[in-house]
Amino acid sequence: MTGFIELDGVEKVFEVRRRTGLLRRERRQVRAVDSLTFRVARGEMVGYIGPNGAGKSTTVKMLTGILTPSGGRLRVAGIDPSRERTRLAHRMGVVFGQRTTLWWDLPLIDSYRLVHRMYRIPEARYRANLERCVELLELADLLDVPVRQLSLGQRMRGDIAAALLHDPEVLYLDEPTIGLDVVSKARVREFLRDLNAERGTTVLLTTHDLQDIEQLCSRVMVIDHGRLMYDGPLAGLHEVGESERTLVVDLERELPPVAVPAPARVVRVEGPRQWLAFPAAQSAAPLVARIAAEYPLADLSVREPDIEAVIARMLHSLRDTPEPPAERASA
């Protein structure tokens, strides 16, 4: 099977030196990416997640041509990123989380003008894309503000706009909603969803916010110690890791633990407030309907599982099986 993004047995090994004595240094090799193979079709939105140090950033840097693979084959739109980085740059956009691509001391609009010149974007196209990004990401009041004076959330929106001015075919996003409030997160997610639907932009998303994955991606890949441990739908990830969501129920008065059918269960009771756990792969609607019908309900909320905990449980589950992780994950 071919794809817009193709990795076949890709490896990245770093040589690390550390001091072991006054005049001695020890060399050792660190394998950041190990035999990584996957395909991403044109127009897909894929979540690429894993614990810190798993190899996510190293993968993205190889996909953009910043790093050269130590072994294997890597292609983006048929291009070898490390050999034809300049050619590929016109077809991709990148947002590296905490590292801005904007010019620190210049007003935001000046950064966009520089991007306009660097990518040689036709004037009409630049204007149309800028107006669209400014409107949908609510940047109008920030265009004359120096980048250094922007909050993290404002700068993230500014970086996303800068990455899209030249109409990239593929967009790499590292924590695109970090530092955003709830309303801004929803707006950015809607913007990315529309971008993918209207223009068919391929998106590879790394994030620690599970709602980013749930609302944007139909497919998720989990990497650990440089190896692909899972590749499939988010529901399958929840099933493998046996993750749970929490329903927080506020009753009108203090009552004994509510009666709920398995596998849901009451895990904590404090006065009129009760915490119920249920499988993350299941809808909360039947549970909510039952409680509302049988108990004096004042309020309720659903809390999503922490993505780090989901991954940890999944990896623990896969490591405890006799099957190789890749085979198990794709079963």
C-alpha atoms as a PDB file:
ATOM      1  CA  MET A   1       0.000   0.000   0.000  1.00  0.00           C
ATOM      2  CA  THR A   2       1.295   3.465  -0.911  1.00  0.00           C
ATOM      3  CA  GLY A   3       0.666   6.661   1.012  1.00  0.00           C
ATOM      4  CA  PHE A   4       1.321  10.369   1.012  1.00  0.00           C
ATOM      5  CA  ILE A   5       3.679   9.805   3.949  1.00  0.00           C
ATOM      6  CA  GLU A   6       5.661   6.545   3.844  1.00  0.00           C
ATOM      7  CA  LEU A   7       8.107   5.133   6.362  1.00  0.00           C
ATOM      8  CA  ASP A   8       9.742   1.722   5.880  1.00  0.00           C
ATOM      9  CA  GLY A   9      11.987   0.442   8.653  1.00  0.00           C
ATOM     10  CA  VAL A  10      13.133   3.966   9.546  1.00  0.00           C
ATOM     11  CA  GLU A  11      15.745   4.249  12.286  1.00  0.00           C
ATOM     12  CA  LYS A  12      17.477   7.144  14.004  1.00  0.00           C
ATOM     13  CA  VAL A  13      20.488   6.539  16.221  1.00  0.00           C
ATOM     14  CA  PHE A  14      22.256   9.291  18.146  1.00  0.00           C
ATOM     15  CA  GLU A  15      25.760   9.015  19.553  1.00  0.00           C
ATOM     16  CA  VAL A  16      25.895  10.385  23.080  1.00  0.00           C
ATOM     17  CA  ARG A  17      29.044  11.182  25.013  1.00  0.00           C
ATOM     18  CA  ARG A  18      29.213  11.441  28.761  1.00  0.00           C
ATOM     19  CA  ARG A  19      32.074  12.121  31.137  1.00  0.00           C
ATOM     20  CA  THR A  20      33.053   9.079  33.248  1.00  0.00           C
ATOM     21  CA  GLY A  21      36.186  10.503  34.814  1.00  0.00           C
ATOM     22  CA  LEU A  22      38.438  13.512  34.859  1.00  0.00           C
ATOM     23  CA  LEU A  23      39.921  12.756  31.433  1.00  0.00           C
ATOM     24  CA  ARG A  24      37.642  10.013  30.170  1.00  0.00           C
ATOM     25  CA  ARG A  25      34.456  10.142  28.156  1.00  0.00           C
ATOM     26  CA  GLU A  26      32.218   7.256  27.307  1.00  0.00           C
ATOM     27  CA  ARG A  27      30.383   6.953  23.988  1.00  0.00           C
ATOM     28  CA  ARG A  28      27.097   5.156  23.659  1.00  0.00           C
ATOM     29  CA  GLN A  29      24.354   4.952  21.065  1.00  0.00           C
ATOM     30  CA  VAL A  30      20.758   5.932  21.745  1.00  0.00           C
ATOM     31  CA  ARG A  31      18.140   4.548  19.369  1.00  0.00           C
ATOM     32  CA  ALA A  32      15.432   7.217  19.247  1.00  0.00           C
ATOM     33  CA  VAL A  33      13.464   5.587  16.403  1.00  0.00           C
ATOM     34  CA  ASP A  34      13.592   1.846  15.834  1.00  0.00           C
ATOM     35  CA  SER A  35      12.348   0.116  12.648  1.00  0.00           C
ATOM     36  CA  LEU A  36       9.399   2.470  12.258  1.00  0.00           C
ATOM     37  CA  THR A  37       6.991   1.573   9.450  1.00  0.00           C
ATOM     38  CA  PHE A  38       3.650   3.215   8.657  1.00  0.00           C
ATOM     39  CA  ARG A  39       1.654   4.926   5.903  1.00  0.00           C
ATOM     40  CA  VAL A  40      -0.500   8.038   6.018  1.00  0.00           C
ATOM     41  CA  ALA A  41      -2.846   8.595   3.072  1.00  0.00           C
ATOM     42  CA  ARG A  42      -3.354  12.002   1.488  1.00  0.00           C
ATOM     43  CA  GLY A  43      -6.034  13.910   3.406  1.00  0.00           C
ATOM     44  CA  GLU A  44      -5.839  11.829   6.601  1.00  0.00           C
ATOM     45  CA  MET A  45      -5.765  13.384  10.080  1.00  0.00           C
ATOM     46  CA  VAL A  46      -3.697  11.111  12.314  1.00  0.00           C
ATOM     47  CA  GLY A  47      -2.894  11.431  16.004  1.00  0.00           C
ATOM     48  CA  TYR A  48       0.741  10.528  16.787  1.00  0.00           C
ATOM     49  CA  ILE A  49       1.119  10.078  20.524  1.00  0.00           C
ATOM     50  CA  GLY A  50       3.349   8.494  23.128  1.00  0.00           C
ATOM     51  CA  PRO A  51       5.154   9.192  26.407  1.00  0.00           C
ATOM     52  CA  ASN A  52       7.886  11.806  26.636  1.00  0.00           C
ATOM     53  CA  GLY A  53      11.057  10.585  24.931  1.00  0.00           C
ATOM     54  CA  ALA A  54       9.186   8.059  22.792  1.00  0.00           C
ATOM     55  CA  GLY A  55      10.537   9.415  19.498  1.00  0.00           C
ATOM     56  CA  LYS A  56       7.641  11.611  18.330  1.00  0.00           C
ATOM     57  CA  SER A  57       9.652  14.790  17.799  1.00  0.00           C
ATOM     58  CA  THR A  58      12.495  12.859  16.191  1.00  0.00           C
ATOM     59  CA  THR A  59      10.027  11.365  13.707  1.00  0.00           C
ATOM     60  CA  VAL A  60       8.590  14.777  12.812  1.00  0.00           C
ATOM     61  CA  LYS A  61      12.082  16.231  12.403  1.00  0.00           C
ATOM     62  CA  MET A  62      12.949  13.441   9.962  1.00  0.00           C
ATOM     63  CA  LEU A  63       9.686  14.005   8.089  1.00  0.00           C
ATOM     64  CA  THR A  64      10.567  17.688   7.682  1.00  0.00           C
ATOM     65  CA  GLY A  65      14.184  17.045   6.692  1.00  0.00           C
ATOM     66  CA  ILE A  66      15.717  18.565   9.819  1.00  0.00           C
ATOM     67  CA  LEU A  67      17.214  15.174  10.708  1.00  0.00           C
ATOM     68  CA  THR A  68      18.511  12.454   8.392  1.00  0.00           C
ATOM     69  CA  PRO A  69      17.442   8.860   9.163  1.00  0.00           C
ATOM     70  CA  SER A  70      20.185   6.438  10.198  1.00  0.00           C
ATOM     71  CA  GLY A  71      18.483   3.703   8.204  1.00  0.00           C
ATOM     72  CA  GLY A  72      15.331   2.756   6.320  1.00  0.00           C
ATOM     73  CA  ARG A  73      13.311   4.610   3.703  1.00  0.00           C
ATOM     74  CA  LEU A  74      11.230   7.760   4.201  1.00  0.00           C
ATOM     75  CA  ARG A  75       9.166   9.665   1.655  1.00  0.00           C
ATOM     76  CA  VAL A  76       6.693  12.559   1.840  1.00  0.00           C
ATOM     77  CA  ALA A  77       4.768  13.172  -1.394  1.00  0.00           C
ATOM     78  CA  GLY A  78       7.394  11.034  -3.110  1.00  0.00           C
ATOM     79  CA  ILE A  79      10.195  13.296  -1.837  1.00  0.00           C
ATOM     80  CA  ASP A  80      13.132  12.301   0.378  1.00  0.00           C
ATOM     81  CA  PRO A  81      12.946  15.084   3.027  1.00  0.00           C
ATOM     82  CA  SER A  82      16.632  15.055   3.954  1.00  0.00           C
ATOM     83  CA  ARG A  83      17.795  15.243   0.314  1.00  0.00           C
ATOM     84  CA  GLU A  84      15.234  17.728  -1.027  1.00  0.00           C
ATOM     85  CA  ARG A  85      14.309  19.742   2.028  1.00  0.00           C
ATOM     86  CA  THR A  86      13.865  23.038   0.179  1.00  0.00           C
ATOM     87  CA  ARG A  87      11.548  21.472  -2.401  1.00  0.00           C
ATOM     88  CA  LEU A  88       9.475  19.834   0.325  1.00  0.00           C
ATOM     89  CA  ALA A  89       9.303  23.035   2.392  1.00  0.00           C
ATOM     90  CA  HIS A  90       6.882  24.551  -0.127  1.00  0.00           C
ATOM     91  CA  ARG A  91       4.507  21.630   0.385  1.00  0.00           C
ATOM     92  CA  MET A  92       4.480  21.369   4.193  1.00  0.00           C
ATOM     93  CA  GLY A  93       3.661  23.441   7.262  1.00  0.00           C
ATOM     94  CA  VAL A  94       5.035  22.870  10.768  1.00  0.00           C
ATOM     95  CA  VAL A  95       4.057  24.081  14.238  1.00  0.00           C
ATOM     96  CA  PHE A  96       6.576  22.988  16.855  1.00  0.00           C
ATOM     97  CA  GLY A  97       4.679  23.610  20.085  1.00  0.00           C
ATOM     98  CA  GLN A  98       6.851  25.681  22.394  1.00  0.00           C
ATOM     99  CA  ARG A  99       9.191  26.808  19.588  1.00  0.00           C
ATOM    100  CA  THR A 100       7.829  29.615  17.480  1.00  0.00           C
ATOM    101  CA  THR A 101       8.531  30.150  13.799  1.00  0.00           C
ATOM    102  CA  LEU A 102       7.562  33.805  14.148  1.00  0.00           C
ATOM    103  CA  TRP A 103      10.056  36.674  14.437  1.00  0.00           C
ATOM    104  CA  TRP A 104      10.259  37.498  18.148  1.00  0.00           C
ATOM    105  CA  ASP A 105      10.645  41.296  18.053  1.00  0.00           C
ATOM    106  CA  LEU A 106       8.464  42.021  15.036  1.00  0.00           C
ATOM    107  CA  PRO A 107       4.703  42.632  14.985  1.00  0.00           C
ATOM    108  CA  LEU A 108       2.760  39.540  13.992  1.00  0.00           C
ATOM    109  CA  ILE A 109       1.777  40.984  10.615  1.00  0.00           C
ATOM    110  CA  ASP A 110       5.454  41.524   9.725  1.00  0.00           C
ATOM    111  CA  SER A 111       6.135  37.835  10.306  1.00  0.00           C
ATOM    112  CA  TYR A 112       3.352  37.041   7.872  1.00  0.00           C
ATOM    113  CA  ARG A 113       4.789  39.455   5.303  1.00  0.00           C
ATOM    114  CA  LEU A 114       8.152  37.730   5.592  1.00  0.00           C
ATOM    115  CA  VAL A 115       6.505  34.332   5.093  1.00  0.00           C
ATOM    116  CA  HIS A 116       4.775  35.814   2.044  1.00  0.00           C
ATOM    117  CA  ARG A 117       8.158  36.761   0.542  1.00  0.00           C
ATOM    118  CA  MET A 118      10.026  33.619   1.599  1.00  0.00           C
ATOM    119  CA  TYR A 119       7.516  31.268   0.016  1.00  0.00           C
ATOM    120  CA  ARG A 120       6.847  33.583  -2.938  1.00  0.00           C
ATOM    121  CA  ILE A 121       3.113  33.250  -2.401  1.00  0.00           C
ATOM    122  CA  PRO A 122       1.030  34.931  -5.118  1.00  0.00           C
ATOM    123  CA  GLU A 123      -0.460  38.157  -3.772  1.00  0.00           C
ATOM    124  CA  ALA A 124      -4.124  37.177  -4.217  1.00  0.00           C
ATOM    125  CA  ARG A 125      -3.583  33.803  -2.591  1.00  0.00           C
ATOM    126  CA  TYR A 126      -1.663  35.342   0.317  1.00  0.00           C
ATOM    127  CA  ARG A 127      -4.389  37.906   0.959  1.00  0.00           C
ATOM    128  CA  ALA A 128      -7.159  35.324   0.842  1.00  0.00           C
ATOM    129  CA  ASN A 129      -5.347  32.912   3.167  1.00  0.00           C
ATOM    130  CA  LEU A 130      -4.370  35.678   5.587  1.00  0.00           C
ATOM    131  CA  GLU A 131      -7.929  37.011   5.805  1.00  0.00           C
ATOM    132  CA  ARG A 132      -9.292  33.518   6.393  1.00  0.00           C
ATOM    133  CA  CYS A 133      -6.774  32.697   9.139  1.00  0.00           C
ATOM    134  CA  VAL A 134      -7.173  36.076  10.836  1.00  0.00           C
ATOM    135  CA  GLU A 135     -10.945  35.729  10.923  1.00  0.00           C
ATOM    136  CA  LEU A 136     -11.192  32.110  12.030  1.00  0.00           C
ATOM    137  CA  LEU A 137      -8.334  32.264  14.547  1.00  0.00           C
ATOM    138  CA  GLU A 138      -9.359  35.725  15.844  1.00  0.00           C
ATOM    139  CA  LEU A 139      -6.027  37.430  15.169  1.00  0.00           C
ATOM    140  CA  ALA A 140      -7.246  40.866  14.027  1.00  0.00           C
ATOM    141  CA  ASP A 141      -6.409  42.605  17.330  1.00  0.00           C
ATOM    142  CA  LEU A 142      -2.966  40.941  17.489  1.00  0.00           C
ATOM    143  CA  LEU A 143      -1.522  41.775  14.067  1.00  0.00           C
ATOM    144  CA  ASP A 144       0.338  44.888  15.267  1.00  0.00           C
ATOM    145  CA  VAL A 145       1.533  43.327  18.534  1.00  0.00           C
ATOM    146  CA  PRO A 146       5.188  42.185  18.762  1.00  0.00           C
ATOM    147  CA  VAL A 147       5.378  38.400  19.017  1.00  0.00           C
ATOM    148  CA  ARG A 148       7.286  38.604  22.312  1.00  0.00           C
ATOM    149  CA  GLN A 149       4.251  40.290  23.906  1.00  0.00           C
ATOM    150  CA  LEU A 150       1.793  37.545  22.899  1.00  0.00           C
ATOM    151  CA  SER A 151       0.595  34.963  25.384  1.00  0.00           C
ATOM    152  CA  LEU A 152       1.346  31.317  24.670  1.00  0.00           C
ATOM    153  CA  GLY A 153      -2.173  30.715  23.398  1.00  0.00           C
ATOM    154  CA  GLN A 154      -2.093  33.794  21.146  1.00  0.00           C
ATOM    155  CA  ARG A 155       1.293  32.817  19.765  1.00  0.00           C
ATOM    156  CA  MET A 156       0.075  29.288  19.033  1.00  0.00           C
ATOM    157  CA  ARG A 157      -2.773  30.692  16.956  1.00  0.00           C
ATOM    158  CA  GLY A 158      -0.291  32.981  15.219  1.00  0.00           C
ATOM    159  CA  ASP A 159       2.027  30.054  14.462  1.00  0.00           C
ATOM    160  CA  ILE A 160      -0.805  27.978  13.012  1.00  0.00           C
ATOM    161  CA  ALA A 161      -1.738  30.817  10.676  1.00  0.00           C
ATOM    162  CA  ALA A 162       1.894  31.281   9.573  1.00  0.00           C
ATOM    163  CA  ALA A 163       2.167  27.569   8.771  1.00  0.00           C
ATOM    164  CA  LEU A 164      -0.881  27.731   6.496  1.00  0.00           C
ATOM    165  CA  LEU A 165      -0.307  30.898   4.454  1.00  0.00           C
ATOM    166  CA  HIS A 166       1.338  28.992   1.585  1.00  0.00           C
ATOM    167  CA  ASP A 167      -1.372  26.274   1.368  1.00  0.00           C
ATOM    168  CA  PRO A 168       0.731  23.295   2.507  1.00  0.00           C
ATOM    169  CA  GLU A 169      -0.351  19.805   1.496  1.00  0.00           C
ATOM    170  CA  VAL A 170       0.766  18.340   4.823  1.00  0.00           C
ATOM    171  CA  LEU A 171       0.709  19.959   8.262  1.00  0.00           C
ATOM    172  CA  TYR A 172       2.702  18.737  11.275  1.00  0.00           C
ATOM    173  CA  LEU A 173       1.267  19.976  14.573  1.00  0.00           C
ATOM    174  CA  ASP A 174       2.953  19.626  17.958  1.00  0.00           C
ATOM    175  CA  GLU A 175       0.538  20.519  20.801  1.00  0.00           C
ATOM    176  CA  PRO A 176      -1.542  23.016  18.740  1.00  0.00           C
ATOM    177  CA  THR A 177      -3.981  23.763  21.613  1.00  0.00           C
ATOM    178  CA  ILE A 178      -1.435  24.207  24.409  1.00  0.00           C
ATOM    179  CA  GLY A 179      -2.097  27.347  26.453  1.00  0.00           C
ATOM    180  CA  LEU A 180      -5.552  27.894  24.951  1.00  0.00           C
ATOM    181  CA  ASP A 181      -8.744  28.361  26.934  1.00  0.00           C
ATOM    182  CA  VAL A 182     -11.754  26.135  26.299  1.00  0.00           C
ATOM    183  CA  VAL A 183     -13.353  28.472  23.739  1.00  0.00           C
ATOM    184  CA  SER A 184     -10.093  28.990  21.831  1.00  0.00           C
ATOM    185  CA  LYS A 185      -9.410  25.245  21.792  1.00  0.00           C
ATOM    186  CA  ALA A 186     -12.804  24.605  20.267  1.00  0.00           C
ATOM    187  CA  ARG A 187     -12.190  27.293  17.636  1.00  0.00           C
ATOM    188  CA  VAL A 188      -8.774  25.902  16.657  1.00  0.00           C
ATOM    189  CA  ARG A 189     -10.165  22.370  16.416  1.00  0.00           C
ATOM    190  CA  GLU A 190     -13.027  23.568  14.215  1.00  0.00           C
ATOM    191  CA  PHE A 191     -10.544  25.469  12.041  1.00  0.00           C
ATOM    192  CA  LEU A 192      -8.361  22.381  11.568  1.00  0.00           C
ATOM    193  CA  ARG A 193     -11.382  20.187  10.866  1.00  0.00           C
ATOM    194  CA  ASP A 194     -12.613  22.605   8.175  1.00  0.00           C
ATOM    195  CA  LEU A 195      -9.116  22.885   6.711  1.00  0.00           C
ATOM    196  CA  ASN A 196      -8.921  19.130   6.325  1.00  0.00           C
ATOM    197  CA  ALA A 197     -12.432  18.821   4.909  1.00  0.00           C
ATOM    198  CA  GLU A 198     -12.243  21.733   2.462  1.00  0.00           C
ATOM    199  CA  ARG A 199      -8.665  21.492   1.256  1.00  0.00           C
ATOM    200  CA  GLY A 200      -7.767  17.869   1.954  1.00  0.00           C
ATOM    201  CA  THR A 201      -4.715  18.869   4.010  1.00  0.00           C
ATOM    202  CA  THR A 202      -2.913  15.875   5.506  1.00  0.00           C
ATOM    203  CA  VAL A 203      -2.393  16.396   9.245  1.00  0.00           C
ATOM    204  CA  LEU A 204      -0.063  14.599  11.669  1.00  0.00           C
ATOM    205  CA  LEU A 205      -0.922  15.699  15.202  1.00  0.00           C
ATOM    206  CA  THR A 206       1.055  15.142  18.391  1.00  0.00           C
ATOM    207  CA  THR A 207      -0.724  16.164  21.587  1.00  0.00           C
ATOM    208  CA  HIS A 208      -1.280  15.372  25.254  1.00  0.00           C
ATOM    209  CA  ASP A 209      -4.906  16.508  25.062  1.00  0.00           C
ATOM    210  CA  LEU A 210      -7.082  13.481  24.417  1.00  0.00           C
ATOM    211  CA  GLN A 211      -9.948  15.683  23.205  1.00  0.00           C
ATOM    212  CA  ASP A 212      -7.736  16.938  20.352  1.00  0.00           C
ATOM    213  CA  ILE A 213      -7.451  13.339  19.150  1.00  0.00           C
ATOM    214  CA  GLU A 214     -11.110  12.478  19.740  1.00  0.00           C
ATOM    215  CA  GLN A 215     -12.456  15.506  17.890  1.00  0.00           C
ATOM    216  CA  LEU A 216      -9.984  15.609  15.009  1.00  0.00           C
ATOM    217  CA  CYS A 217      -8.532  12.178  14.282  1.00  0.00           C
ATOM    218  CA  SER A 218     -10.140   8.950  13.112  1.00  0.00           C
ATOM    219  CA  ARG A 219      -6.827   7.151  13.520  1.00  0.00           C
ATOM    220  CA  VAL A 220      -4.198   7.178  16.234  1.00  0.00           C
ATOM    221  CA  MET A 221      -0.653   5.801  16.328  1.00  0.00           C
ATOM    222  CA  VAL A 222       1.192   5.174  19.599  1.00  0.00           C
ATOM    223  CA  ILE A 223       4.977   5.120  19.694  1.00  0.00           C
ATOM    224  CA  ASP A 224       7.136   3.962  22.611  1.00  0.00           C
ATOM    225  CA  HIS A 225      10.938   3.713  22.696  1.00  0.00           C
ATOM    226  CA  GLY A 226      10.946   4.470  18.981  1.00  0.00           C
ATOM    227  CA  ARG A 227       8.639   1.561  18.070  1.00  0.00           C
ATOM    228  CA  LEU A 228       5.084   1.658  16.763  1.00  0.00           C
ATOM    229  CA  MET A 229       2.994  -0.028  19.447  1.00  0.00           C
ATOM    230  CA  TYR A 230      -0.519   0.663  18.171  1.00  0.00           C
ATOM    231  CA  ASP A 231      -2.082   1.858  14.921  1.00  0.00           C
ATOM    232  CA  GLY A 232      -5.867   2.044  14.686  1.00  0.00           C
ATOM    233  CA  PRO A 233      -9.004   3.835  15.915  1.00  0.00           C
ATOM    234  CA  LEU A 234      -9.093   5.620  19.278  1.00  0.00           C
ATOM    235  CA  ALA A 235     -11.787   3.243  20.524  1.00  0.00           C
ATOM    236  CA  GLY A 236      -9.401   0.350  19.986  1.00  0.00           C
ATOM    237  CA  LEU A 237      -6.747   2.157  22.025  1.00  0.00           C
ATOM    238  CA  HIS A 238      -9.191   2.496  24.908  1.00  0.00           C
ATOM    239  CA  GLU A 239     -10.074  -1.193  24.642  1.00  0.00           C
ATOM    240  CA  VAL A 240      -6.458  -2.361  24.644  1.00  0.00           C
ATOM    241  CA  GLY A 241      -5.616  -0.108  27.587  1.00  0.00           C
ATOM    242  CA  GLU A 242      -8.946  -0.712  29.365  1.00  0.00           C
ATOM    243  CA  SER A 243      -9.181   3.025  30.051  1.00  0.00           C
ATOM    244  CA  GLU A 244     -12.104   4.605  31.855  1.00  0.00           C
ATOM    245  CA  ARG A 245     -13.936   7.913  31.882  1.00  0.00           C
ATOM    246  CA  THR A 246     -15.366   9.403  35.056  1.00  0.00           C
ATOM    247  CA  LEU A 247     -18.936  10.595  35.509  1.00  0.00           C
ATOM    248  CA  VAL A 248     -19.163  13.101  38.372  1.00  0.00           C
ATOM    249  CA  VAL A 249     -22.732  13.161  39.709  1.00  0.00           C
ATOM    250  CA  ASP A 250     -24.083  15.859  42.048  1.00  0.00           C
ATOM    251  CA  LEU A 251     -27.314  14.735  43.716  1.00  0.00           C
ATOM    252  CA  GLU A 252     -29.765  17.058  45.449  1.00  0.00           C
ATOM    253  CA  ARG A 253     -29.047  15.345  48.763  1.00  0.00           C
ATOM    254  CA  GLU A 254     -26.688  12.805  50.240  1.00  0.00           C
ATOM    255  CA  LEU A 255     -27.642   9.234  49.290  1.00  0.00           C
ATOM    256  CA  PRO A 256     -26.029   5.770  49.315  1.00  0.00           C
ATOM    257  CA  PRO A 257     -23.957   4.859  46.233  1.00  0.00           C
ATOM    258  CA  VAL A 258     -26.135   4.900  43.118  1.00  0.00           C
ATOM    259  CA  ALA A 259     -26.974   1.532  41.571  1.00  0.00           C
ATOM    260  CA  VAL A 260     -25.479   1.226  38.085  1.00  0.00           C
ATOM    261  CA  PRO A 261     -25.043  -1.793  35.795  1.00  0.00           C
ATOM    262  CA  ALA A 262     -21.591  -3.281  35.272  1.00  0.00           C
ATOM    263  CA  PRO A 263     -19.038  -2.475  34.003  1.00  0.00           C
ATOM    264  CA  ALA A 264     -19.822   0.997  35.420  1.00  0.00           C
ATOM    265  CA  ARG A 265     -19.125   1.333  39.124  1.00  0.00           C
ATOM    266  CA  VAL A 266     -19.076   3.898  41.915  1.00  0.00           C
ATOM    267  CA  VAL A 267     -15.496   4.644  42.912  1.00  0.00           C
ATOM    268  CA  ARG A 268     -15.958   7.487  45.400  1.00  0.00           C
ATOM    269  CA  VAL A 269     -18.687   9.197  47.443  1.00  0.00           C
ATOM    270  CA  GLU A 270     -18.404  12.541  49.241  1.00  0.00           C
ATOM    271  CA  GLY A 271     -21.700  13.875  50.563  1.00  0.00           C
ATOM    272  CA  PRO A 272     -24.117  14.372  47.646  1.00  0.00           C
ATOM    273  CA  ARG A 273     -21.294  14.047  45.083  1.00  0.00           C
ATOM    274  CA  GLN A 274     -20.445  10.637  43.600  1.00  0.00           C
ATOM    275  CA  TRP A 275     -17.767   9.563  41.115  1.00  0.00           C
ATOM    276  CA  LEU A 276     -18.593   6.733  38.689  1.00  0.00           C
ATOM    277  CA  ALA A 277     -16.089   5.029  36.391  1.00  0.00           C
ATOM    278  CA  PHE A 278     -17.132   3.477  33.076  1.00  0.00           C
ATOM    279  CA  PRO A 279     -15.257   2.207  29.966  1.00  0.00           C
ATOM    280  CA  ALA A 280     -13.968   5.094  27.848  1.00  0.00           C
ATOM    281  CA  ALA A 281     -14.989   3.314  24.650  1.00  0.00           C
ATOM    282  CA  GLN A 282     -18.669   3.432  25.719  1.00  0.00           C
ATOM    283  CA  SER A 283     -21.070   6.368  25.481  1.00  0.00           C
ATOM    284  CA  ALA A 284     -22.018   8.119  28.715  1.00  0.00           C
ATOM    285  CA  ALA A 285     -25.590   8.713  27.492  1.00  0.00           C
ATOM    286  CA  PRO A 286     -27.256   5.476  28.779  1.00  0.00           C
ATOM    287  CA  LEU A 287     -25.619   5.886  32.188  1.00  0.00           C
ATOM    288  CA  VAL A 288     -26.659   9.527  32.445  1.00  0.00           C
ATOM    289  CA  ALA A 289     -30.221   8.728  31.372  1.00  0.00           C
ATOM    290  CA  ARG A 290     -30.563   6.000  33.994  1.00  0.00           C
ATOM    291  CA  ILE A 291     -29.276   8.173  36.840  1.00  0.00           C
ATOM    292  CA  ALA A 292     -31.451  11.126  35.787  1.00  0.00           C
ATOM    293  CA  ALA A 293     -34.533   8.896  35.729  1.00  0.00           C
ATOM    294  CA  GLU A 294     -33.957   7.238  39.113  1.00  0.00           C
ATOM    295  CA  TYR A 295     -32.208   9.845  41.295  1.00  0.00           C
ATOM    296  CA  PRO A 296     -32.689  13.535  42.258  1.00  0.00           C
ATOM    297  CA  LEU A 297     -29.984  14.948  40.002  1.00  0.00           C
ATOM    298  CA  ALA A 298     -28.581  18.460  40.496  1.00  0.00           C
ATOM    299  CA  ASP A 299     -25.636  18.432  38.090  1.00  0.00           C
ATOM    300  CA  LEU A 300     -23.141  16.156  36.376  1.00  0.00           C
ATOM    301  CA  SER A 301     -19.992  16.252  34.268  1.00  0.00           C
ATOM    302  CA  VAL A 302     -17.826  13.775  32.363  1.00  0.00           C
ATOM    303  CA  ARG A 303     -14.063  13.742  32.856  1.00  0.00           C
ATOM    304  CA  GLU A 304     -11.865  12.270  30.173  1.00  0.00           C
ATOM    305  CA  PRO A 305      -9.033   9.879  31.059  1.00  0.00           C
ATOM    306  CA  ASP A 306      -5.557  11.336  31.154  1.00  0.00           C
ATOM    307  CA  ILE A 307      -3.872  10.434  27.871  1.00  0.00           C
ATOM    308  CA  GLU A 308      -0.623   9.547  29.628  1.00  0.00           C
ATOM    309  CA  ALA A 309      -2.523   7.062  31.792  1.00  0.00           C
ATOM    310  CA  VAL A 310      -4.270   5.585  28.735  1.00  0.00           C
ATOM    311  CA  ILE A 311      -0.949   5.064  26.998  1.00  0.00           C
ATOM    312  CA  ALA A 312       0.692   3.667  30.123  1.00  0.00           C
ATOM    313  CA  ARG A 313      -2.072   1.091  30.584  1.00  0.00           C
ATOM    314  CA  MET A 314      -2.001   0.172  26.907  1.00  0.00           C
ATOM    315  CA  LEU A 315       1.769  -0.290  26.875  1.00  0.00           C
ATOM    316  CA  HIS A 316       1.608  -2.333  30.080  1.00  0.00           C
ATOM    317  CA  SER A 317      -1.087  -4.515  28.519  1.00  0.00           C
ATOM    318  CA  LEU A 318       0.890  -5.048  25.306  1.00  0.00           C
ATOM    319  CA  ARG A 319       4.147  -5.784  27.116  1.00  0.00           C
ATOM    320  CA  ASP A 320       2.435  -8.443  29.205  1.00  0.00           C
ATOM    321  CA  THR A 321       1.230 -10.373  26.138  1.00  0.00           C
ATOM    322  CA  PRO A 322       3.290 -13.151  24.528  1.00  0.00           C
ATOM    323  CA  GLU A 323       2.616 -11.716  21.052  1.00  0.00           C
ATOM    324  CA  PRO A 324       4.921  -9.106  19.456  1.00  0.00           C
ATOM    325  CA  PRO A 325       3.445  -5.623  20.164  1.00  0.00           C
ATOM    326  CA  ALA A 326       2.998  -4.647  16.496  1.00  0.00           C
ATOM    327  CA  GLU A 327       1.083  -7.839  15.719  1.00  0.00           C
ATOM    328  CA  ARG A 328      -1.036  -7.489  18.789  1.00  0.00           C
ATOM    329  CA  ALA A 329      -1.876  -3.859  18.086  1.00  0.00           C
ATOM    330  CA  SER A 330      -2.978  -4.474  14.516  1.00  0.00           C
ATOM    331  CA  ALA A 331      -5.085  -7.522  15.310  1.00  0.00           C
END
